[in-house]
């Protein structure tokens, strides 16, 4: 394989890994935010 092909594949793998890591981080953070919103809303429903 020629060098440009190897470089292109490496960049593609890096982009995929960064994208998956960012997606997992966002999903985890959004879950925490949803839990916090539920906790905040519960006292309002009781009152």
Protein backbone atom coordinates (compact mmCIF):
# COMPACT_ATOMS: atom_id res chain seq x y z
CA UNK A 1 0.00 0.00 0.00
CA UNK A 2 1.20 3.51 -0.73
CA UNK A 3 1.83 6.02 2.04
CA UNK A 4 -1.12 8.36 1.21
CA UNK A 5 -3.53 5.42 1.55
CA UNK A 6 -2.13 4.50 4.98
CA UNK A 7 -2.36 8.13 6.15
CA UNK A 8 -5.95 8.39 4.87
CA UNK A 9 -6.94 5.17 6.72
CA UNK A 10 -5.30 6.37 9.95
CA UNK A 11 -7.13 9.71 9.77
CA UNK A 12 -10.42 7.89 9.12
CA UNK A 13 -9.92 5.62 12.14
CA UNK A 14 -9.06 8.61 14.34
CA UNK A 15 -12.19 10.50 13.23
CA UNK A 16 -14.39 7.46 13.95
CA UNK A 17 -12.87 6.96 17.41
CA UNK A 18 -13.25 10.65 18.31
CA UNK A 19 -16.84 10.66 17.03
CA UNK A 20 -17.79 7.57 19.06
CA UNK A 21 -16.12 8.97 22.19
CA UNK A 22 -17.94 12.31 21.80
CA UNK A 23 -21.27 10.53 21.21
CA UNK A 24 -20.83 8.36 24.32
CA UNK A 25 -19.83 11.42 26.39
CA UNK A 26 -22.90 13.37 25.18
CA UNK A 27 -25.22 10.42 25.85
CA UNK A 28 -23.84 10.03 29.39
CA UNK A 29 -24.06 13.78 30.10
CA UNK A 30 -27.60 14.03 28.69
CA UNK A 31 -28.69 11.13 30.91
CA UNK A 32 -27.37 12.95 33.99
CA UNK A 33 -29.14 16.16 32.92
CA UNK A 34 -32.43 14.27 32.46
CA UNK A 35 -32.08 12.72 35.93
CA UNK A 36 -31.41 16.15 37.46
CA UNK A 37 -34.46 17.65 35.71
CA UNK A 38 -36.66 14.85 37.07
CA UNK A 39 -35.39 15.49 40.59
CA UNK A 40 -36.11 19.22 40.22
CA UNK A 41 -39.62 18.63 38.84
CA UNK A 42 -40.77 16.21 41.55
CA UNK A 43 -41.14 18.79 44.38
CA UNK A 44 -43.14 21.04 42.02
CA UNK A 45 -45.61 18.21 41.31
CA UNK A 46 -46.09 17.55 45.04
CA UNK A 47 -46.79 21.23 45.79
